[in-house]
N, C-alpha and C. Protein backbone atom coordinates (compact mmCIF):
# COMPACT_ATOMS: atom_id res chain seq x y z
N MET A 1 -7.02 20.06 11.60
CA MET A 1 -5.77 19.35 11.81
C MET A 1 -5.88 17.96 11.17
N LYS A 2 -4.97 17.70 10.25
CA LYS A 2 -5.01 16.41 9.57
C LYS A 2 -4.24 15.37 10.37
N PHE A 3 -4.69 14.13 10.25
CA PHE A 3 -4.00 13.02 10.87
C PHE A 3 -2.91 12.55 9.93
N ARG A 4 -1.65 12.61 10.38
CA ARG A 4 -0.53 12.19 9.55
C ARG A 4 0.31 11.16 10.31
N ILE A 5 0.82 10.22 9.55
CA ILE A 5 1.68 9.19 10.13
C ILE A 5 3.09 9.45 9.60
N ASN A 6 4.09 9.34 10.48
CA ASN A 6 5.46 9.64 10.05
C ASN A 6 5.94 8.66 8.97
N PRO A 7 6.94 9.04 8.22
CA PRO A 7 7.37 8.22 7.06
C PRO A 7 7.79 6.78 7.37
N LEU A 8 8.53 6.55 8.43
CA LEU A 8 8.94 5.19 8.75
C LEU A 8 7.74 4.32 9.12
N ALA A 9 6.84 4.86 9.92
CA ALA A 9 5.62 4.11 10.28
C ALA A 9 4.78 3.87 9.03
N SER A 10 4.71 4.84 8.15
CA SER A 10 3.95 4.67 6.89
C SER A 10 4.54 3.54 6.06
N ASP A 11 5.85 3.50 5.95
CA ASP A 11 6.49 2.44 5.19
C ASP A 11 6.19 1.06 5.79
N ILE A 12 6.25 0.96 7.10
CA ILE A 12 5.97 -0.30 7.77
C ILE A 12 4.51 -0.71 7.60
N LEU A 13 3.60 0.24 7.76
CA LEU A 13 2.16 -0.06 7.59
C LEU A 13 1.84 -0.48 6.14
N ILE A 14 2.43 0.17 5.17
CA ILE A 14 2.20 -0.19 3.77
C ILE A 14 2.74 -1.57 3.49
N SER A 15 3.93 -1.89 4.03
CA SER A 15 4.50 -3.23 3.82
C SER A 15 3.63 -4.32 4.42
N ILE A 16 3.16 -4.09 5.66
CA ILE A 16 2.30 -5.04 6.32
C ILE A 16 0.98 -5.19 5.55
N TYR A 17 0.43 -4.08 5.07
CA TYR A 17 -0.82 -4.12 4.32
C TYR A 17 -0.69 -4.90 3.02
N VAL A 18 0.42 -4.69 2.30
CA VAL A 18 0.63 -5.40 1.05
C VAL A 18 0.78 -6.89 1.29
N ILE A 19 1.57 -7.28 2.29
CA ILE A 19 1.77 -8.69 2.59
C ILE A 19 0.45 -9.34 3.04
N ALA A 20 -0.31 -8.65 3.91
CA ALA A 20 -1.58 -9.20 4.39
C ALA A 20 -2.60 -9.34 3.26
N THR A 21 -2.70 -8.34 2.41
CA THR A 21 -3.70 -8.43 1.32
C THR A 21 -3.30 -9.52 0.31
N LEU A 22 -2.01 -9.65 0.02
CA LEU A 22 -1.60 -10.72 -0.87
C LEU A 22 -1.92 -12.09 -0.26
N PHE A 23 -1.63 -12.25 1.03
CA PHE A 23 -1.92 -13.51 1.73
C PHE A 23 -3.44 -13.80 1.66
N LEU A 24 -4.25 -12.80 1.99
CA LEU A 24 -5.70 -13.02 1.98
C LEU A 24 -6.21 -13.33 0.60
N ARG A 25 -5.68 -12.65 -0.43
CA ARG A 25 -6.12 -12.92 -1.80
C ARG A 25 -5.77 -14.35 -2.20
N PHE A 26 -4.51 -14.77 -1.96
CA PHE A 26 -4.13 -16.12 -2.34
C PHE A 26 -4.92 -17.17 -1.57
N LYS A 27 -5.16 -16.93 -0.28
CA LYS A 27 -5.90 -17.90 0.51
C LYS A 27 -7.37 -17.95 0.05
N TYR A 28 -7.97 -16.81 -0.18
CA TYR A 28 -9.38 -16.75 -0.63
C TYR A 28 -9.53 -17.38 -2.01
N GLU A 29 -8.58 -17.09 -2.93
CA GLU A 29 -8.68 -17.63 -4.27
C GLU A 29 -8.44 -19.12 -4.30
N ASN A 30 -7.65 -19.62 -3.36
CA ASN A 30 -7.39 -21.07 -3.28
C ASN A 30 -8.62 -21.81 -2.75
N ILE A 31 -9.33 -21.22 -1.82
CA ILE A 31 -10.51 -21.87 -1.23
C ILE A 31 -11.69 -21.85 -2.17
N THR A 32 -11.92 -20.70 -2.82
CA THR A 32 -13.07 -20.57 -3.70
C THR A 32 -12.65 -20.54 -5.16
N ASN A 33 -13.62 -20.70 -6.02
CA ASN A 33 -13.35 -20.65 -7.46
C ASN A 33 -13.49 -19.22 -7.94
N VAL A 34 -12.37 -18.50 -8.03
CA VAL A 34 -12.35 -17.10 -8.40
C VAL A 34 -11.85 -16.94 -9.83
N THR A 35 -12.57 -16.16 -10.61
CA THR A 35 -12.11 -15.92 -11.98
C THR A 35 -10.95 -14.93 -11.97
N PRO A 36 -10.14 -14.94 -13.04
CA PRO A 36 -9.01 -14.00 -13.09
C PRO A 36 -9.47 -12.53 -13.04
N MET A 37 -10.61 -12.24 -13.67
CA MET A 37 -11.08 -10.84 -13.66
C MET A 37 -11.45 -10.39 -12.27
N LEU A 38 -12.09 -11.26 -11.47
CA LEU A 38 -12.40 -10.92 -10.09
C LEU A 38 -11.13 -10.72 -9.26
N SER A 39 -10.12 -11.53 -9.52
CA SER A 39 -8.85 -11.39 -8.83
C SER A 39 -8.19 -10.06 -9.14
N ILE A 40 -8.25 -9.63 -10.40
CA ILE A 40 -7.69 -8.33 -10.77
C ILE A 40 -8.45 -7.19 -10.14
N VAL A 41 -9.77 -7.29 -10.10
CA VAL A 41 -10.59 -6.25 -9.49
C VAL A 41 -10.29 -6.14 -8.00
N MET A 42 -10.15 -7.28 -7.31
CA MET A 42 -9.81 -7.25 -5.88
C MET A 42 -8.43 -6.58 -5.67
N GLY A 43 -7.46 -6.93 -6.51
CA GLY A 43 -6.14 -6.32 -6.39
C GLY A 43 -6.17 -4.84 -6.61
N VAL A 44 -6.92 -4.37 -7.59
CA VAL A 44 -7.02 -2.94 -7.87
C VAL A 44 -7.70 -2.22 -6.71
N CYS A 45 -8.70 -2.82 -6.13
CA CYS A 45 -9.37 -2.21 -4.99
C CYS A 45 -8.43 -2.04 -3.79
N PHE A 46 -7.62 -3.07 -3.52
CA PHE A 46 -6.64 -2.94 -2.44
C PHE A 46 -5.60 -1.87 -2.73
N VAL A 47 -5.18 -1.73 -3.96
CA VAL A 47 -4.19 -0.70 -4.33
C VAL A 47 -4.81 0.68 -4.24
N VAL A 48 -6.08 0.82 -4.62
CA VAL A 48 -6.75 2.11 -4.58
C VAL A 48 -6.87 2.62 -3.14
N ILE A 49 -7.09 1.72 -2.21
CA ILE A 49 -7.16 2.13 -0.79
C ILE A 49 -5.87 2.78 -0.34
N ILE A 50 -4.74 2.16 -0.65
CA ILE A 50 -3.45 2.74 -0.26
C ILE A 50 -3.20 4.06 -1.02
N TRP A 51 -3.52 4.09 -2.31
CA TRP A 51 -3.31 5.26 -3.12
C TRP A 51 -4.09 6.47 -2.56
N VAL A 52 -5.34 6.24 -2.14
CA VAL A 52 -6.15 7.31 -1.58
C VAL A 52 -5.56 7.79 -0.28
N LEU A 53 -5.09 6.91 0.56
CA LEU A 53 -4.47 7.33 1.85
C LEU A 53 -3.20 8.13 1.62
N ILE A 54 -2.44 7.79 0.58
CA ILE A 54 -1.24 8.56 0.28
C ILE A 54 -1.63 9.93 -0.30
N LYS A 55 -2.60 9.98 -1.18
CA LYS A 55 -3.05 11.26 -1.75
C LYS A 55 -3.66 12.19 -0.72
N LEU A 56 -4.33 11.62 0.26
CA LEU A 56 -4.90 12.45 1.35
C LEU A 56 -3.87 12.83 2.39
N LYS A 57 -2.62 12.37 2.19
CA LYS A 57 -1.49 12.67 3.06
C LYS A 57 -1.65 12.10 4.48
N VAL A 58 -2.46 11.03 4.59
CA VAL A 58 -2.52 10.31 5.86
C VAL A 58 -1.26 9.46 5.99
N LEU A 59 -0.91 8.80 4.89
CA LEU A 59 0.36 8.05 4.84
C LEU A 59 1.40 8.89 4.11
N ASN A 60 2.58 8.94 4.64
CA ASN A 60 3.67 9.72 4.04
C ASN A 60 4.88 8.80 3.81
N PRO A 61 4.80 7.97 2.76
CA PRO A 61 5.88 6.99 2.58
C PRO A 61 7.20 7.62 2.17
N ASN A 62 8.25 7.05 2.72
CA ASN A 62 9.61 7.47 2.38
C ASN A 62 10.26 6.41 1.53
N TRP A 63 9.58 5.30 1.29
CA TRP A 63 10.04 4.15 0.53
C TRP A 63 11.36 3.63 1.09
N PHE A 64 11.45 3.64 2.41
CA PHE A 64 12.62 3.15 3.18
C PHE A 64 13.89 3.86 2.75
N GLY A 65 13.77 5.11 2.34
CA GLY A 65 14.92 5.93 1.98
C GLY A 65 15.48 5.67 0.60
N LEU A 66 14.79 4.88 -0.20
CA LEU A 66 15.29 4.55 -1.55
C LEU A 66 15.14 5.73 -2.51
N LEU A 67 14.10 6.50 -2.33
CA LEU A 67 13.84 7.64 -3.22
C LEU A 67 14.06 8.93 -2.42
N ASN A 68 15.23 9.47 -2.46
CA ASN A 68 15.52 10.69 -1.76
C ASN A 68 15.10 11.88 -2.64
N SER A 69 14.07 12.60 -2.20
CA SER A 69 13.59 13.73 -2.97
C SER A 69 14.36 15.01 -2.69
N LYS A 70 15.12 15.02 -1.64
CA LYS A 70 15.90 16.21 -1.26
C LYS A 70 17.20 16.20 -2.05
N LYS A 71 17.42 17.25 -2.78
CA LYS A 71 18.65 17.37 -3.54
C LYS A 71 19.66 18.20 -2.76
N VAL A 72 20.87 17.74 -2.72
CA VAL A 72 21.93 18.43 -2.01
C VAL A 72 22.53 19.45 -2.95
N LYS A 73 22.55 20.71 -2.51
CA LYS A 73 23.13 21.76 -3.31
C LYS A 73 24.64 21.87 -2.97
N PRO A 74 25.46 22.01 -4.01
CA PRO A 74 26.90 22.12 -3.75
C PRO A 74 27.30 23.44 -3.18
């Protein structure tokens, strides 16, 4: 049995995660002397974590209903 999070909760968790990681990156980069390459690597690592969770179907984003994949047949 796989652990799955419903679409609305997934959207909210992804939004919170993106905002928190951006805040932490900006705060960390402001305090320490971080090169642009290290900043890019940190950003890619944060994105890969979310991407893996979506690919494993733990997170099931609905993108707040913006991308409707269900087509209505006439």
